Structure formats: C-alpha cells, structure tokens
Amino acid sequence: MPNQWSRFKQVLPSDPLLVAVIDVVHGDGTTTVTFTGGGTARVRGTGTVGGSVYVRGGQIEGEAPALSQVDIAI
C-alpha cells in the first residue's frame, strides 16, 4: 500500500503558471516582474525589459506571447 502522504500530495495542485511583464533585470540573475493582476515579484531568470514571460514557482520558464487582456462582464 502506498504512503498516504504521497497519495495526498498527488491530488494537491502544483505551482500555477503565471504571465508577467519584465520591469527590471538585475545583475545577479534575477528579474523584477509585474503580474497581470497587478502584483510584483523578484524572480530567478532574465529577459528583455517590457517583454512578457511565463513564471512558475519564482522562476521564469520562458517567453510568453504579448497579448492584451480583455475583461467581459456577464
């Protein structure tokens, strides 16, 4: 029988994949980004200032397409 804690961890969600815009690239290999919801964070990885990136678990995972956000009221 598998460990109950291992089985429980399998049903928990992993870190979400978020889209952010690069504000500042620091010399120590980190970057300050602004998320689409308005929050900011300093994450590991680099890129081009003004570029959109995917962020997961405090690390840049890659370049994201530069799409505009649309809110639709229902």
PDB file of N, CA and C in Angstrom:
ATOM      1  N   MET A   1       0.851  -1.184   0.000  1.00  0.00           N
ATOM      2  CA  MET A   1       0.000   0.000   0.000  1.00  0.00           C
ATOM      3  C   MET A   1       0.894   1.245   0.000  1.00  0.00           C
ATOM      4  N   PRO A   2       0.620   2.217  -0.892  1.00  0.00           N
ATOM      5  CA  PRO A   2       1.421   3.440  -0.955  1.00  0.00           C
ATOM      6  C   PRO A   2       1.249   4.295   0.299  1.00  0.00           C
ATOM      7  N   ASN A   3       2.241   5.098   0.560  1.00  0.00           N
ATOM      8  CA  ASN A   3       2.225   6.025   1.677  1.00  0.00           C
ATOM      9  C   ASN A   3       1.055   7.004   1.507  1.00  0.00           C
ATOM     10  N   GLN A   4       0.284   7.216   2.565  1.00  0.00           N
ATOM     11  CA  GLN A   4      -0.881   8.100   2.488  1.00  0.00           C
ATOM     12  C   GLN A   4      -0.476   9.542   2.174  1.00  0.00           C
ATOM     13  N   TRP A   5       0.647   9.996   2.720  1.00  0.00           N
ATOM     14  CA  TRP A   5       1.094  11.371   2.458  1.00  0.00           C
ATOM     15  C   TRP A   5       1.439  11.546   0.977  1.00  0.00           C
ATOM     16  N   SER A   6       2.063  10.558   0.371  1.00  0.00           N
ATOM     17  CA  SER A   6       2.397  10.619  -1.055  1.00  0.00           C
ATOM     18  C   SER A   6       1.136  10.692  -1.900  1.00  0.00           C
ATOM     19  N   ARG A   7       0.150   9.925  -1.551  1.00  0.00           N
ATOM     20  CA  ARG A   7      -1.115   9.944  -2.292  1.00  0.00           C
ATOM     21  C   ARG A   7      -1.813  11.284  -2.138  1.00  0.00           C
ATOM     22  N   PHE A   8      -1.758  11.876  -0.937  1.00  0.00           N
ATOM     23  CA  PHE A   8      -2.389  13.171  -0.694  1.00  0.00           C
ATOM     24  C   PHE A   8      -1.703  14.265  -1.513  1.00  0.00           C
ATOM     25  N   LYS A   9      -0.367  14.242  -1.571  1.00  0.00           N
ATOM     26  CA  LYS A   9       0.371  15.260  -2.315  1.00  0.00           C
ATOM     27  C   LYS A   9       0.070  15.202  -3.808  1.00  0.00           C
ATOM     28  N   GLN A  10      -0.287  14.037  -4.324  1.00  0.00           N
ATOM     29  CA  GLN A  10      -0.595  13.896  -5.744  1.00  0.00           C
ATOM     30  C   GLN A  10      -1.867  14.634  -6.134  1.00  0.00           C
ATOM     31  N   VAL A  11      -2.807  14.801  -5.215  1.00  0.00           N
ATOM     32  CA  VAL A  11      -4.054  15.489  -5.552  1.00  0.00           C
ATOM     33  C   VAL A  11      -3.967  16.998  -5.342  1.00  0.00           C
ATOM     34  N   LEU A  12      -2.909  17.469  -4.688  1.00  0.00           N
ATOM     35  CA  LEU A  12      -2.743  18.907  -4.494  1.00  0.00           C
ATOM     36  C   LEU A  12      -2.255  19.551  -5.789  1.00  0.00           C
ATOM     37  N   PRO A  13      -2.711  20.782  -6.087  1.00  0.00           N
ATOM     38  CA  PRO A  13      -2.253  21.445  -7.310  1.00  0.00           C
ATOM     39  C   PRO A  13      -0.798  21.885  -7.182  1.00  0.00           C
ATOM     40  N   SER A  14      -0.102  21.893  -8.302  1.00  0.00           N
ATOM     41  CA  SER A  14       1.276  22.382  -8.313  1.00  0.00           C
ATOM     42  C   SER A  14       1.264  23.908  -8.440  1.00  0.00           C
ATOM     43  N   ASP A  15       2.431  24.517  -8.490  1.00  0.00           N
ATOM     44  CA  ASP A  15       2.513  25.967  -8.647  1.00  0.00           C
ATOM     45  C   ASP A  15       1.858  26.378  -9.964  1.00  0.00           C
ATOM     46  N   PRO A  16       1.061  27.456  -9.967  1.00  0.00           N
ATOM     47  CA  PRO A  16       0.398  27.883 -11.200  1.00  0.00           C
ATOM     48  C   PRO A  16       1.384  28.538 -12.166  1.00  0.00           C
ATOM     49  N   LEU A  17       1.071  28.476 -13.438  1.00  0.00           N
ATOM     50  CA  LEU A  17       1.852  29.147 -14.471  1.00  0.00           C
ATOM     51  C   LEU A  17       1.238  30.524 -14.676  1.00  0.00           C
ATOM     52  N   LEU A  18       2.000  31.580 -14.377  1.00  0.00           N
ATOM     53  CA  LEU A  18       1.508  32.949 -14.434  1.00  0.00           C
ATOM     54  C   LEU A  18       2.194  33.718 -15.551  1.00  0.00           C
ATOM     55  N   VAL A  19       1.505  34.734 -16.076  1.00  0.00           N
ATOM     56  CA  VAL A  19       2.069  35.611 -17.098  1.00  0.00           C
ATOM     57  C   VAL A  19       2.449  36.920 -16.436  1.00  0.00           C
ATOM     58  N   ALA A  20       3.646  37.424 -16.748  1.00  0.00           N
ATOM     59  CA  ALA A  20       4.132  38.667 -16.159  1.00  0.00           C
ATOM     60  C   ALA A  20       4.905  39.463 -17.204  1.00  0.00           C
ATOM     61  N   VAL A  21       5.084  40.758 -16.915  1.00  0.00           N
ATOM     62  CA  VAL A  21       5.870  41.649 -17.771  1.00  0.00           C
ATOM     63  C   VAL A  21       7.136  42.023 -17.012  1.00  0.00           C
ATOM     64  N   ILE A  22       8.277  41.984 -17.685  1.00  0.00           N
ATOM     65  CA  ILE A  22       9.559  42.296 -17.048  1.00  0.00           C
ATOM     66  C   ILE A  22       9.700  43.800 -16.868  1.00  0.00           C
ATOM     67  N   ASP A  23       9.985  44.213 -15.624  1.00  0.00           N
ATOM     68  CA  ASP A  23      10.202  45.626 -15.305  1.00  0.00           C
ATOM     69  C   ASP A  23      11.683  45.958 -15.215  1.00  0.00           C
ATOM     70  N   VAL A  24      12.447  45.164 -14.464  1.00  0.00           N
ATOM     71  CA  VAL A  24      13.868  45.428 -14.219  1.00  0.00           C
ATOM     72  C   VAL A  24      14.634  44.112 -14.286  1.00  0.00           C
ATOM     73  N   VAL A  25      15.780  44.122 -14.974  1.00  0.00           N
ATOM     74  CA  VAL A  25      16.681  42.970 -14.989  1.00  0.00           C
ATOM     75  C   VAL A  25      17.870  43.322 -14.103  1.00  0.00           C
ATOM     76  N   HIS A  26      18.094  42.543 -13.059  1.00  0.00           N
ATOM     77  CA  HIS A  26      19.167  42.791 -12.098  1.00  0.00           C
ATOM     78  C   HIS A  26      20.424  42.024 -12.496  1.00  0.00           C
ATOM     79  N   GLY A  27      21.574  42.471 -12.031  1.00  0.00           N
ATOM     80  CA  GLY A  27      22.850  41.862 -12.380  1.00  0.00           C
ATOM     81  C   GLY A  27      23.112  40.515 -11.743  1.00  0.00           C
ATOM     82  N   ASP A  28      22.325  40.141 -10.734  1.00  0.00           N
ATOM     83  CA  ASP A  28      22.554  38.874 -10.034  1.00  0.00           C
ATOM     84  C   ASP A  28      21.752  37.711 -10.607  1.00  0.00           C
ATOM     85  N   GLY A  29      21.185  37.879 -11.813  1.00  0.00           N
ATOM     86  CA  GLY A  29      20.427  36.798 -12.440  1.00  0.00           C
ATOM     87  C   GLY A  29      18.967  36.766 -12.054  1.00  0.00           C
ATOM     88  N   THR A  30      18.481  37.823 -11.409  1.00  0.00           N
ATOM     89  CA  THR A  30      17.069  37.907 -11.053  1.00  0.00           C
ATOM     90  C   THR A  30      16.411  39.040 -11.827  1.00  0.00           C
ATOM     91  N   THR A  31      15.093  39.026 -11.835  1.00  0.00           N
ATOM     92  CA  THR A  31      14.307  39.988 -12.586  1.00  0.00           C
ATOM     93  C   THR A  31      13.105  40.401 -11.756  1.00  0.00           C
ATOM     94  N   THR A  32      12.750  41.675 -11.803  1.00  0.00           N
ATOM     95  CA  THR A  32      11.523  42.147 -11.176  1.00  0.00           C
ATOM     96  C   THR A  32      10.434  42.156 -12.240  1.00  0.00           C
ATOM     97  N   VAL A  33       9.315  41.489 -11.945  1.00  0.00           N
ATOM     98  CA  VAL A  33       8.211  41.380 -12.897  1.00  0.00           C
ATOM     99  C   VAL A  33       6.923  41.894 -12.272  1.00  0.00           C
ATOM    100  N   THR A  34       5.992  42.301 -13.144  1.00  0.00           N
ATOM    101  CA  THR A  34       4.651  42.693 -12.727  1.00  0.00           C
ATOM    102  C   THR A  34       3.672  41.705 -13.344  1.00  0.00           C
ATOM    103  N   PHE A  35       2.841  41.094 -12.504  1.00  0.00           N
ATOM    104  CA  PHE A  35       1.855  40.129 -12.979  1.00  0.00           C
ATOM    105  C   PHE A  35       0.631  40.848 -13.535  1.00  0.00           C
ATOM    106  N   THR A  36      -0.167  40.141 -14.335  1.00  0.00           N
ATOM    107  CA  THR A  36      -1.341  40.750 -14.950  1.00  0.00           C
ATOM    108  C   THR A  36      -2.356  41.208 -13.907  1.00  0.00           C
ATOM    109  N   GLY A  37      -2.350  40.605 -12.728  1.00  0.00           N
ATOM    110  CA  GLY A  37      -3.253  41.013 -11.657  1.00  0.00           C
ATOM    111  C   GLY A  37      -2.789  42.243 -10.908  1.00  0.00           C
ATOM    112  N   GLY A  38      -1.565  42.710 -11.174  1.00  0.00           N
ATOM    113  CA  GLY A  38      -1.064  43.921 -10.546  1.00  0.00           C
ATOM    114  C   GLY A  38       0.037  43.718  -9.534  1.00  0.00           C
ATOM    115  N   GLY A  39       0.302  42.511  -9.099  1.00  0.00           N
ATOM    116  CA  GLY A  39       1.350  42.266  -8.114  1.00  0.00           C
ATOM    117  C   GLY A  39       2.730  42.259  -8.754  1.00  0.00           C
ATOM    118  N   THR A  40       3.753  42.454  -7.933  1.00  0.00           N
ATOM    119  CA  THR A  40       5.128  42.400  -8.419  1.00  0.00           C
ATOM    120  C   THR A  40       5.909  41.365  -7.624  1.00  0.00           C
ATOM    121  N   ALA A  41       6.987  40.859  -8.230  1.00  0.00           N
ATOM    122  CA  ALA A  41       7.843  39.883  -7.554  1.00  0.00           C
ATOM    123  C   ALA A  41       9.222  39.920  -8.185  1.00  0.00           C
ATOM    124  N   ARG A  42      10.208  39.493  -7.412  1.00  0.00           N
ATOM    125  CA  ARG A  42      11.567  39.323  -7.921  1.00  0.00           C
ATOM    126  C   ARG A  42      11.770  37.832  -8.114  1.00  0.00           C
ATOM    127  N   VAL A  43      12.020  37.425  -9.352  1.00  0.00           N
ATOM    128  CA  VAL A  43      12.101  36.010  -9.704  1.00  0.00           C
ATOM    129  C   VAL A  43      13.463  35.694 -10.316  1.00  0.00           C
ATOM    130  N   ARG A  44      13.800  34.392 -10.363  1.00  0.00           N
ATOM    131  CA  ARG A  44      15.054  33.954 -10.975  1.00  0.00           C
ATOM    132  C   ARG A  44      14.888  33.890 -12.488  1.00  0.00           C
ATOM    133  N   GLY A  45      15.923  34.317 -13.195  1.00  0.00           N
ATOM    134  CA  GLY A  45      15.904  34.299 -14.654  1.00  0.00           C
ATOM    135  C   GLY A  45      16.009  35.703 -15.216  1.00  0.00           C
ATOM    136  N   THR A  46      16.279  35.778 -16.511  1.00  0.00           N
ATOM    137  CA  THR A  46      16.432  37.076 -17.156  1.00  0.00           C
ATOM    138  C   THR A  46      15.610  37.127 -18.428  1.00  0.00           C
ATOM    139  N   GLY A  47      15.510  38.313 -18.984  1.00  0.00           N
ATOM    140  CA  GLY A  47      14.778  38.530 -20.218  1.00  0.00           C
ATOM    141  C   GLY A  47      14.939  39.972 -20.649  1.00  0.00           C
ATOM    142  N   THR A  48      14.077  40.408 -21.546  1.00  0.00           N
ATOM    143  CA  THR A  48      14.111  41.765 -22.066  1.00  0.00           C
ATOM    144  C   THR A  48      13.090  42.615 -21.334  1.00  0.00           C
ATOM    145  N   VAL A  49      13.509  43.815 -20.916  1.00  0.00           N
ATOM    146  CA  VAL A  49      12.591  44.726 -20.223  1.00  0.00           C
ATOM    147  C   VAL A  49      11.403  45.019 -21.137  1.00  0.00           C
ATOM    148  N   GLY A  50      10.192  44.893 -20.593  1.00  0.00           N
ATOM    149  CA  GLY A  50       8.969  45.107 -21.352  1.00  0.00           C
ATOM    150  C   GLY A  50       8.423  43.848 -21.988  1.00  0.00           C
ATOM    151  N   GLY A  51       9.188  42.768 -21.958  1.00  0.00           N
ATOM    152  CA  GLY A  51       8.747  41.514 -22.552  1.00  0.00           C
ATOM    153  C   GLY A  51       7.848  40.725 -21.616  1.00  0.00           C
ATOM    154  N   SER A  52       6.987  39.902 -22.188  1.00  0.00           N
ATOM    155  CA  SER A  52       6.097  39.045 -21.406  1.00  0.00           C
ATOM    156  C   SER A  52       6.755  37.686 -21.201  1.00  0.00           C
ATOM    157  N   VAL A  53       6.636  37.154 -19.991  1.00  0.00           N
ATOM    158  CA  VAL A  53       7.241  35.863 -19.658  1.00  0.00           C
ATOM    159  C   VAL A  53       6.270  35.016 -18.847  1.00  0.00           C
ATOM    160  N   TYR A  54       6.508  33.697 -18.868  1.00  0.00           N
ATOM    161  CA  TYR A  54       5.792  32.773 -18.001  1.00  0.00           C
ATOM    162  C   TYR A  54       6.609  32.592 -16.729  1.00  0.00           C
ATOM    163  N   VAL A  55       5.940  32.647 -15.566  1.00  0.00           N
ATOM    164  CA  VAL A  55       6.600  32.485 -14.272  1.00  0.00           C
ATOM    165  C   VAL A  55       5.897  31.371 -13.503  1.00  0.00           C
ATOM    166  N   ARG A  56       6.701  30.441 -12.967  1.00  0.00           N
ATOM    167  CA  ARG A  56       6.155  29.371 -12.124  1.00  0.00           C
ATOM    168  C   ARG A  56       7.140  29.118 -10.988  1.00  0.00           C
ATOM    169  N   GLY A  57       6.655  29.157  -9.767  1.00  0.00           N
ATOM    170  CA  GLY A  57       7.481  28.843  -8.610  1.00  0.00           C
ATOM    171  C   GLY A  57       8.657  29.782  -8.424  1.00  0.00           C
ATOM    172  N   GLY A  58       8.496  31.046  -8.763  1.00  0.00           N
ATOM    173  CA  GLY A  58       9.563  32.020  -8.568  1.00  0.00           C
ATOM    174  C   GLY A  58      10.657  31.976  -9.610  1.00  0.00           C
ATOM    175  N   GLN A  59      10.376  31.351 -10.764  1.00  0.00           N
ATOM    176  CA  GLN A  59      11.381  31.243 -11.814  1.00  0.00           C
ATOM    177  C   GLN A  59      10.734  31.491 -13.172  1.00  0.00           C
ATOM    178  N   ILE A  60      11.440  32.218 -14.042  1.00  0.00           N
ATOM    179  CA  ILE A  60      10.959  32.446 -15.402  1.00  0.00           C
ATOM    180  C   ILE A  60      11.109  31.147 -16.180  1.00  0.00           C
ATOM    181  N   GLU A  61      10.002  30.704 -16.805  1.00  0.00           N
ATOM    182  CA  GLU A  61      10.033  29.452 -17.565  1.00  0.00           C
ATOM    183  C   GLU A  61      10.199  29.671 -19.057  1.00  0.00           C
ATOM    184  N   GLY A  62       9.898  30.864 -19.533  1.00  0.00           N
ATOM    185  CA  GLY A  62      10.047  31.120 -20.962  1.00  0.00           C
ATOM    186  C   GLY A  62       9.309  32.374 -21.367  1.00  0.00           C
ATOM    187  N   GLU A  63       9.433  32.703 -22.641  1.00  0.00           N
ATOM    188  CA  GLU A  63       8.792  33.890 -23.187  1.00  0.00           C
ATOM    189  C   GLU A  63       7.316  33.610 -23.446  1.00  0.00           C
ATOM    190  N   ALA A  64       6.470  34.594 -23.123  1.00  0.00           N
ATOM    191  CA  ALA A  64       5.029  34.469 -23.342  1.00  0.00           C
ATOM    192  C   ALA A  64       4.624  35.403 -24.475  1.00  0.00           C
ATOM    193  N   PRO A  65       3.570  35.072 -25.205  1.00  0.00           N
ATOM    194  CA  PRO A  65       3.114  35.983 -26.254  1.00  0.00           C
ATOM    195  C   PRO A  65       2.573  37.270 -25.641  1.00  0.00           C
ATOM    196  N   ALA A  66       2.778  38.378 -26.322  1.00  0.00           N
ATOM    197  CA  ALA A  66       2.317  39.688 -25.838  1.00  0.00           C
ATOM    198  C   ALA A  66       0.868  39.886 -26.266  1.00  0.00           C
ATOM    199  N   LEU A  67      -0.046  39.397 -25.463  1.00  0.00           N
ATOM    200  CA  LEU A  67      -1.473  39.515 -25.757  1.00  0.00           C
ATOM    201  C   LEU A  67      -2.104  40.525 -24.816  1.00  0.00           C
ATOM    202  N   SER A  68      -3.131  41.202 -25.288  1.00  0.00           N
ATOM    203  CA  SER A  68      -3.828  42.150 -24.423  1.00  0.00           C
ATOM    204  C   SER A  68      -4.890  41.410 -23.618  1.00  0.00           C
ATOM    205  N   GLN A  69      -5.158  41.912 -22.415  1.00  0.00           N
ATOM    206  CA  GLN A  69      -6.152  41.294 -21.544  1.00  0.00           C
ATOM    207  C   GLN A  69      -7.514  41.906 -21.820  1.00  0.00           C
ATOM    208  N   VAL A  70      -8.528  41.066 -21.908  1.00  0.00           N
ATOM    209  CA  VAL A  70      -9.887  41.518 -22.163  1.00  0.00           C
ATOM    210  C   VAL A  70     -10.773  41.011 -21.039  1.00  0.00           C
ATOM    211  N   ASP A  71     -11.527  41.907 -20.409  1.00  0.00           N
ATOM    212  CA  ASP A  71     -12.483  41.534 -19.370  1.00  0.00           C
ATOM    213  C   ASP A  71     -13.887  41.652 -19.938  1.00  0.00           C
ATOM    214  N   ILE A  72     -14.663  40.606 -19.773  1.00  0.00           N
ATOM    215  CA  ILE A  72     -16.036  40.594 -20.268  1.00  0.00           C
ATOM    216  C   ILE A  72     -16.965  40.457 -19.077  1.00  0.00           C
ATOM    217  N   ALA A  73     -17.871  41.417 -18.914  1.00  0.00           N
ATOM    218  CA  ALA A  73     -18.847  41.372 -17.823  1.00  0.00           C
ATOM    219  C   ALA A  73     -20.047  40.552 -18.266  1.00  0.00           C
ATOM    220  N   ILE A  74     -20.473  39.643 -17.395  1.00  0.00           N
ATOM    221  CA  ILE A  74     -21.624  38.793 -17.715  1.00  0.00           C
ATOM    222  C   ILE A  74     -22.764  39.163 -16.797  1.00  0.00           C
TER     223      ILE A  74
END
